[in-house]
Amino acid sequence: MGTNAEAKARACRNRRGGGRPAAGIVYRTWVSTTTILLVLDLAGVLAFAVDGALVGIRSSRIDIVGVITLGVITALGGGIIRDLLLGATPATFQDWRYVMTALVGALLAFFLSRHLERLSGAITFLDAAGLSLFCVTGAAKALEFGFGPLQAALLGAITGVGGGTLRDVLINRVPAVMSRDSTLYAIPALTGACILVGTVTTLGGYGPVGAVAGALVCFTLRTVGLRYRWRAPAPRGTDNGG
């Protein structure tokens, strides 16, 4: 599956050679070769791993295996879902640094949980930063594989929120992206992905600008939403959930 998808991307490059490069390919050059982006990507993995593990620690009757499982799934789940939908081999299975970073984050949360609870503000900051980065890189990868703007935006949002959704399902609670009690999460991710997609598909060579703009908007919506407890609209007359 991964070979077919990569061949598709190469064919797209060959067909458009000589003219203005495809939007996804312009963006790919910046995303795939910049070391700092990989560092930030792994920082997001670390933040999500710590966050997922802390959720496990707060849950009853979960041992170290459960804590690590929740941390790793939270950090890597969204990217795996995205890559499977793209028909590509998940990056998690190709680069050992992703799994190792997720494991380190989960173990860090397990052994230093008392101290990490005091750093909830910093963890929230990193969580928002990771969400912002993943939503734009996820959308960019979808464009690279030849998907349309709508599909790319959706896959960008899935990359950001997918891991947390899997975690919530495993601990038998309503996923944060759908709960009326949770602050905005999916909406910032989708907004950031849409900004990246819109910029790349309309301006072509301005992928980095779209990435920065999308990430900043996502980060701002997420952090301001947390500060002021913004929530998505919910149906009226269902306060008790039943």
Protein backbone atom coordinates (compact mmCIF):
# COMPACT_ATOMS: atom_id res chain seq x y z
CA MET A 1 0.00 0.00 0.00
CA GLY A 2 2.79 2.43 0.87
CA THR A 3 4.58 1.69 -2.46
CA ASN A 4 1.48 2.49 -4.49
CA ALA A 5 0.95 5.76 -2.66
CA GLU A 6 4.57 6.80 -3.11
CA ALA A 7 4.41 5.92 -6.81
CA LYS A 8 1.30 8.06 -7.08
CA ALA A 9 3.12 11.00 -5.56
CA ARG A 10 6.08 10.52 -7.91
CA ALA A 11 3.76 10.31 -10.92
CA CYS A 12 2.13 13.55 -9.83
CA ARG A 13 5.54 15.23 -9.77
CA ASN A 14 6.44 13.90 -13.22
CA ARG A 15 3.16 15.01 -14.80
CA ARG A 16 3.57 18.56 -13.53
CA GLY A 17 7.28 18.91 -14.26
CA GLY A 18 8.21 22.01 -16.23
CA GLY A 19 5.33 24.14 -15.01
CA ARG A 20 4.49 25.49 -11.59
CA PRO A 21 5.02 22.67 -9.07
CA ALA A 22 1.97 21.11 -7.49
CA ALA A 23 0.94 22.75 -4.24
CA GLY A 24 1.56 19.61 -2.24
CA ILE A 25 5.01 19.13 -3.75
CA VAL A 26 6.05 22.73 -3.04
CA TYR A 27 5.05 22.22 0.55
CA ARG A 28 6.69 18.82 0.73
CA THR A 29 10.14 20.27 0.06
CA TRP A 30 9.84 22.48 3.12
CA VAL A 31 8.20 19.93 5.40
CA SER A 32 10.34 16.88 4.66
CA THR A 33 13.82 18.45 4.74
CA THR A 34 13.64 20.86 7.66
CA THR A 35 15.28 19.46 10.76
CA ILE A 36 13.57 21.92 13.07
CA LEU A 37 10.17 20.67 11.96
CA LEU A 38 11.12 17.12 12.91
CA VAL A 39 12.22 18.38 16.33
CA LEU A 40 8.89 20.17 16.81
CA ASP A 41 7.03 17.11 15.56
CA LEU A 42 8.75 14.93 18.15
CA ALA A 43 8.09 17.59 20.80
CA GLY A 44 4.41 17.29 19.97
CA VAL A 45 4.63 13.51 20.28
CA LEU A 46 6.27 13.92 23.67
CA ALA A 47 3.59 16.35 24.86
CA PHE A 48 0.74 14.10 23.74
CA ALA A 49 2.41 11.06 25.31
CA VAL A 50 2.69 12.84 28.67
CA ASP A 51 -0.90 14.05 28.41
CA GLY A 52 -2.26 10.61 27.52
CA ALA A 53 -0.28 8.94 30.28
CA LEU A 54 -1.52 11.44 32.86
CA VAL A 55 -5.09 10.62 31.89
CA GLY A 56 -4.27 6.99 32.59
CA ILE A 57 -2.70 7.84 35.93
CA ARG A 58 -5.84 9.70 36.97
CA SER A 59 -7.96 6.71 35.98
CA SER A 60 -8.55 3.91 38.48
CA ARG A 61 -7.12 0.39 38.18
CA ILE A 62 -4.59 1.12 35.44
CA ASP A 63 -1.04 -0.17 35.90
CA ILE A 64 2.18 0.86 34.18
CA VAL A 65 1.30 -1.11 31.05
CA GLY A 66 -2.00 0.73 30.76
CA VAL A 67 -0.35 4.09 31.35
CA ILE A 68 2.26 3.47 28.65
CA THR A 69 -0.39 2.18 26.25
CA LEU A 70 -2.53 5.28 26.68
CA GLY A 71 0.47 7.58 26.33
CA VAL A 72 1.72 5.94 23.13
CA ILE A 73 -1.73 5.76 21.55
CA THR A 74 -2.43 9.40 22.32
CA ALA A 75 0.88 10.47 20.80
CA LEU A 76 0.90 8.30 17.69
CA GLY A 77 -2.69 7.26 17.03
CA GLY A 78 -3.70 10.24 14.91
CA GLY A 79 -0.74 9.90 12.56
CA ILE A 80 -1.27 6.17 12.16
CA ILE A 81 -4.93 6.66 11.27
CA ARG A 82 -4.01 9.34 8.75
CA ASP A 83 -1.34 7.24 7.06
CA LEU A 84 -3.61 4.20 6.84
CA LEU A 85 -6.31 6.32 5.22
CA LEU A 86 -3.69 7.62 2.79
CA GLY A 87 -2.62 4.08 1.93
CA ALA A 88 0.91 4.70 3.21
CA THR A 89 3.10 2.88 5.68
CA PRO A 90 2.70 4.78 8.97
CA ALA A 91 5.70 6.98 9.72
CA THR A 92 5.66 5.55 13.23
CA PHE A 93 6.73 2.17 11.83
CA GLN A 94 9.49 3.67 9.68
CA ASP A 95 11.23 6.01 12.13
CA TRP A 96 12.13 4.62 15.55
CA ARG A 97 12.34 8.10 17.05
CA TYR A 98 8.56 8.47 17.13
CA VAL A 99 7.97 5.34 19.19
CA MET A 100 10.94 6.04 21.44
CA THR A 101 9.79 9.61 22.11
CA ALA A 102 6.29 8.41 22.94
CA LEU A 103 7.66 5.78 25.33
CA VAL A 104 9.87 8.32 27.06
CA GLY A 105 6.95 10.69 27.51
CA ALA A 106 4.70 8.00 28.95
CA LEU A 107 7.37 6.75 31.36
CA LEU A 108 8.23 10.30 32.39
CA ALA A 109 4.60 10.90 33.31
CA PHE A 110 4.41 7.61 35.20
CA PHE A 111 7.49 8.08 37.37
CA LEU A 112 7.22 11.84 37.92
CA SER A 113 3.44 12.25 37.99
CA ARG A 114 3.38 14.21 41.24
CA HIS A 115 5.72 16.84 39.85
CA LEU A 116 4.11 16.91 36.43
CA GLU A 117 0.75 17.78 37.95
CA ARG A 118 2.30 21.11 38.99
CA LEU A 119 3.30 21.73 35.38
CA SER A 120 -0.18 21.44 33.93
CA GLY A 121 0.13 24.87 32.32
CA ALA A 122 3.29 23.90 30.45
CA ILE A 123 1.78 20.59 29.38
CA THR A 124 -1.32 22.37 28.11
CA PHE A 125 0.93 24.73 26.15
CA LEU A 126 2.81 21.83 24.54
CA ASP A 127 -0.44 20.01 23.86
CA ALA A 128 -1.78 23.03 21.98
CA ALA A 129 1.51 23.40 20.11
CA GLY A 130 1.47 19.74 19.13
CA LEU A 131 -2.12 19.96 17.96
CA SER A 132 -1.25 23.00 15.86
CA LEU A 133 1.73 21.34 14.23
CA PHE A 134 0.04 18.01 13.57
CA CYS A 135 -3.03 19.52 11.95
CA VAL A 136 -0.97 21.34 9.31
CA THR A 137 1.55 18.58 8.66
CA GLY A 138 -1.26 16.05 8.41
CA ALA A 139 -3.06 18.17 5.83
CA ALA A 140 0.19 18.73 3.93
CA LYS A 141 0.86 15.00 3.70
CA ALA A 142 -2.63 14.42 2.32
CA LEU A 143 -2.02 17.07 -0.36
CA GLU A 144 1.30 15.43 -1.16
CA PHE A 145 -0.49 12.16 -1.85
CA GLY A 146 -2.87 13.83 -4.28
CA PHE A 147 -5.97 14.18 -2.09
CA GLY A 148 -8.39 17.05 -2.63
CA PRO A 149 -8.68 20.11 -0.36
CA LEU A 150 -11.64 18.82 1.67
CA GLN A 151 -10.08 15.42 2.28
CA ALA A 152 -6.75 17.02 3.17
CA ALA A 153 -8.34 19.35 5.72
CA LEU A 154 -10.22 16.47 7.34
CA LEU A 155 -7.10 14.31 7.49
CA GLY A 156 -5.22 17.21 9.06
CA ALA A 157 -7.79 17.44 11.83
CA ILE A 158 -7.75 13.66 12.28
CA THR A 159 -3.99 13.75 12.72
CA GLY A 160 -4.36 16.22 15.56
CA VAL A 161 -7.27 14.72 17.48
CA GLY A 162 -7.22 11.04 16.50
CA GLY A 163 -4.88 9.85 19.23
CA GLY A 164 -6.84 11.49 22.02
CA THR A 165 -10.06 10.04 20.67
CA LEU A 166 -8.63 6.51 20.72
CA ARG A 167 -7.42 7.07 24.28
CA ASP A 168 -10.86 8.19 25.46
CA VAL A 169 -12.52 5.19 23.84
CA LEU A 170 -10.10 2.84 25.61
CA ILE A 171 -10.93 4.29 29.03
CA ASN A 172 -14.65 4.21 28.26
CA ARG A 173 -15.46 7.90 28.25
CA VAL A 174 -16.96 10.25 25.68
CA PRO A 175 -14.11 11.48 23.44
CA ALA A 176 -13.09 15.04 24.22
CA VAL A 177 -13.73 16.09 20.63
CA MET A 178 -17.43 15.23 21.05
CA SER A 179 -18.09 16.01 24.70
CA ARG A 180 -20.14 19.09 25.64
CA ASP A 181 -17.97 19.46 28.74
CA SER A 182 -14.72 19.82 26.78
CA THR A 183 -13.25 23.04 25.46
CA LEU A 184 -12.70 23.55 21.75
CA TYR A 185 -10.33 20.94 20.32
CA ALA A 186 -11.40 19.59 16.94
CA ILE A 187 -12.55 23.00 15.67
CA PRO A 188 -9.11 24.65 16.11
CA ALA A 189 -7.44 21.68 14.42
CA LEU A 190 -9.84 21.76 11.48
CA THR A 191 -9.48 25.53 11.16
CA GLY A 192 -5.70 25.33 11.08
CA ALA A 193 -5.77 22.56 8.49
CA CYS A 194 -8.20 24.54 6.32
CA ILE A 195 -5.92 27.58 6.38
CA LEU A 196 -2.95 25.48 5.27
CA VAL A 197 -4.95 23.78 2.51
CA GLY A 198 -6.48 27.04 1.31
CA THR A 199 -3.11 28.77 1.12
CA VAL A 200 -1.33 25.92 -0.65
CA THR A 201 -4.07 25.19 -3.18
CA THR A 202 -4.62 28.83 -4.13
CA LEU A 203 -1.11 30.27 -3.90
CA GLY A 204 0.96 27.18 -4.65
CA GLY A 205 4.43 28.17 -3.52
CA TYR A 206 3.36 29.69 -0.20
CA GLY A 207 3.21 26.43 1.76
CA PRO A 208 5.40 27.66 4.63
CA VAL A 209 3.23 30.77 5.01
CA GLY A 210 0.09 28.65 5.13
CA ALA A 211 1.66 26.30 7.66
CA VAL A 212 2.68 29.09 10.00
CA ALA A 213 -0.67 30.85 9.66
CA GLY A 214 -2.66 27.66 10.17
CA ALA A 215 -0.60 26.61 13.18
CA LEU A 216 -0.85 30.03 14.81
CA VAL A 217 -4.62 30.21 14.36
CA CYS A 218 -5.07 26.69 15.72
CA PHE A 219 -2.82 27.42 18.69
CA THR A 220 -4.61 30.69 19.45
CA LEU A 221 -8.09 29.16 19.27
CA ARG A 222 -7.04 26.27 21.49
CA THR A 223 -5.32 28.32 24.19
CA VAL A 224 -7.90 31.12 24.26
CA GLY A 225 -10.64 28.49 24.32
CA LEU A 226 -9.02 26.91 27.36
CA ARG A 227 -8.62 30.28 29.05
CA TYR A 228 -12.24 31.29 28.61
CA ARG A 229 -13.76 27.79 28.60
CA TRP A 230 -15.13 28.05 25.06
CA ARG A 231 -17.19 25.06 24.02
CA ALA A 232 -18.81 23.99 20.78
CA PRO A 233 -22.61 24.54 20.59
CA ALA A 234 -24.64 21.66 22.03
CA PRO A 235 -28.31 20.65 21.56
CA ARG A 236 -30.70 22.38 23.95
CA GLY A 237 -32.65 20.48 26.55
CA THR A 238 -30.06 17.72 27.00
CA ASP A 239 -28.20 18.92 30.07
CA ASN A 240 -28.23 15.48 31.65
CA GLY A 241 -26.98 13.79 28.54
CA GLY A 242 -30.04 11.66 28.31
